[in-house]
Protein backbone atom coordinates (compact mmCIF):
# COMPACT_ATOMS: atom_id res chain seq x y z
CA MET A 1 3.74 2.29 9.15
CA TYR A 2 0.13 2.21 8.05
CA VAL A 3 -1.42 -0.99 6.76
CA LEU A 4 -4.65 -0.65 4.86
CA TRP A 5 -6.96 -3.66 4.61
CA VAL A 6 -9.78 -3.64 2.07
CA PRO A 7 -12.83 -5.78 1.26
CA ARG A 8 -11.41 -7.65 -1.72
CA ASN A 9 -11.68 -11.34 -2.56
CA GLY A 10 -14.34 -11.86 0.08
CA ALA A 11 -12.36 -10.24 2.91
CA ARG A 12 -14.29 -8.66 5.75
CA GLU A 13 -13.18 -6.59 8.72
CA LYS A 14 -13.44 -9.64 10.96
CA HIS A 15 -10.61 -11.28 8.95
CA VAL A 16 -8.09 -8.51 9.64
CA GLU A 17 -7.19 -9.65 13.12
CA ARG A 18 -6.22 -13.08 11.79
CA VAL A 19 -3.88 -11.74 9.07
CA ALA A 20 -2.56 -8.59 10.75
CA GLY A 21 0.20 -10.74 12.27
CA LEU A 22 1.76 -10.96 8.81
CA VAL A 23 3.08 -7.46 9.53
CA HIS A 24 5.62 -8.01 12.28
CA ASP A 25 6.58 -4.41 13.02
CA PRO A 26 4.97 -3.32 16.31
CA ARG A 27 4.83 0.28 15.05
CA ALA A 28 2.32 -0.69 12.35
CA SER A 29 -1.17 0.78 12.57
CA HIS A 30 -3.89 -1.20 10.83
CA PHE A 31 -6.94 0.34 9.15
CA TRP A 32 -10.02 -1.16 7.53
CA ASP A 33 -11.12 0.70 4.36
CA GLU A 34 -14.68 -0.59 4.00
CA HIS A 35 -15.69 1.81 1.22
CA GLY A 36 -12.46 2.22 -0.77
CA ALA A 37 -11.74 5.75 0.44
CA LEU A 38 -8.05 5.22 -0.30
CA VAL A 39 -8.08 2.27 -2.65
CA GLU A 40 -9.99 3.98 -5.43
CA PRO A 41 -7.96 7.24 -5.51
CA TYR A 42 -4.68 5.33 -5.48
CA ALA A 43 -5.91 2.87 -8.13
CA GLU A 44 -6.62 5.83 -10.38
CA MET A 45 -3.43 7.70 -9.47
CA LEU A 46 -1.23 4.66 -10.17
CA SER A 47 -3.24 3.51 -13.22
CA LEU A 48 -3.94 0.13 -11.66
CA THR A 49 -5.90 -2.35 -13.73
CA GLY A 50 -7.10 -5.53 -12.10
CA PRO A 51 -6.86 -6.11 -8.34
CA CYS A 52 -5.21 -3.47 -6.17
CA ALA A 53 -4.07 -5.93 -3.53
CA GLY A 54 -0.38 -5.83 -2.76
CA ILE A 55 0.50 -2.20 -3.45
CA PHE A 56 3.40 -1.16 -1.23
CA MET A 57 3.99 2.60 -0.95
CA LEU A 58 6.66 4.75 0.66
CA PHE A 59 6.33 8.40 1.55
CA GLU A 60 9.06 10.79 2.62
CA PRO A 61 8.83 11.76 6.30
CA GLY A 62 6.46 14.64 6.86
CA VAL A 63 4.16 13.99 3.92
CA ARG A 64 0.62 15.01 4.80
CA TRP A 65 -2.72 14.54 3.14
CA GLU A 66 -3.93 18.03 2.37
CA GLY A 67 -6.83 18.56 0.03
CA ALA A 68 -9.26 16.25 -1.66
CA SER A 69 -6.80 13.67 -3.00
CA PRO A 70 -4.30 11.58 -1.05
CA PRO A 71 -0.62 12.39 -1.63
CA PRO A 72 1.20 10.45 -4.32
CA PRO A 73 3.75 7.97 -2.99
CA ASP A 74 7.41 8.86 -3.34
CA TYR A 75 8.00 5.23 -4.28
CA TYR A 76 5.82 2.17 -4.72
CA GLU A 77 5.95 -1.44 -5.84
CA ASP A 78 3.14 -3.64 -7.06
CA ALA A 79 2.75 -7.34 -6.24
CA HIS A 80 0.74 -7.76 -9.46
CA ALA A 81 2.72 -5.56 -11.87
CA VAL A 82 3.86 -8.42 -14.08
CA GLU A 83 0.61 -10.35 -13.86
CA PHE A 84 -1.50 -7.39 -15.03
CA ASP A 85 1.16 -5.69 -17.19
CA ARG A 86 1.16 -2.55 -15.06
CA GLU A 87 3.68 0.27 -15.11
CA GLY A 88 4.91 0.10 -11.52
CA PRO A 89 7.83 -2.11 -10.55
CA GLN A 90 7.09 -5.67 -9.49
CA PHE A 91 7.28 -6.01 -5.71
CA ASP A 92 10.64 -7.23 -4.45
CA ALA A 93 10.84 -7.31 -0.65
CA ASP A 94 14.62 -6.90 -0.46
CA ARG A 95 14.71 -3.94 -2.86
CA PHE A 96 11.72 -2.33 -1.15
CA ALA A 97 13.39 -2.67 2.25
CA ARG A 98 16.62 -1.12 0.95
CA ILE A 99 14.74 1.84 -0.50
CA ALA A 100 12.75 2.29 2.73
CA GLU A 101 15.96 2.16 4.78
CA GLY A 102 17.55 4.76 2.48
CA MET A 103 14.55 7.07 2.86
CA LEU A 104 14.69 6.72 6.65
CA ALA A 105 18.43 7.43 6.69
CA GLY A 106 17.73 10.73 4.94
């Protein structure tokens, strides 16, 4: 699992350590995206208007980033879909977990 933290709403890299504990899985790797290297391409790819905080993406095993653009997610949910009238499904933790488990089961 990769968790990407970005400088939104006043967040700075020094704040990551304090909130990283929200992700309880010990396999999670945390990254700080100071310059939006991933945020901006995914915001465009997913047609996100408004804040990009709370985008949860799943990729099939083996997906690799090859080329100039990051790979599109195989599935994603958006914590702000309803609030900003965006196309992606509104984040639902139980549904997201079921879909992730199904992808892992193959």
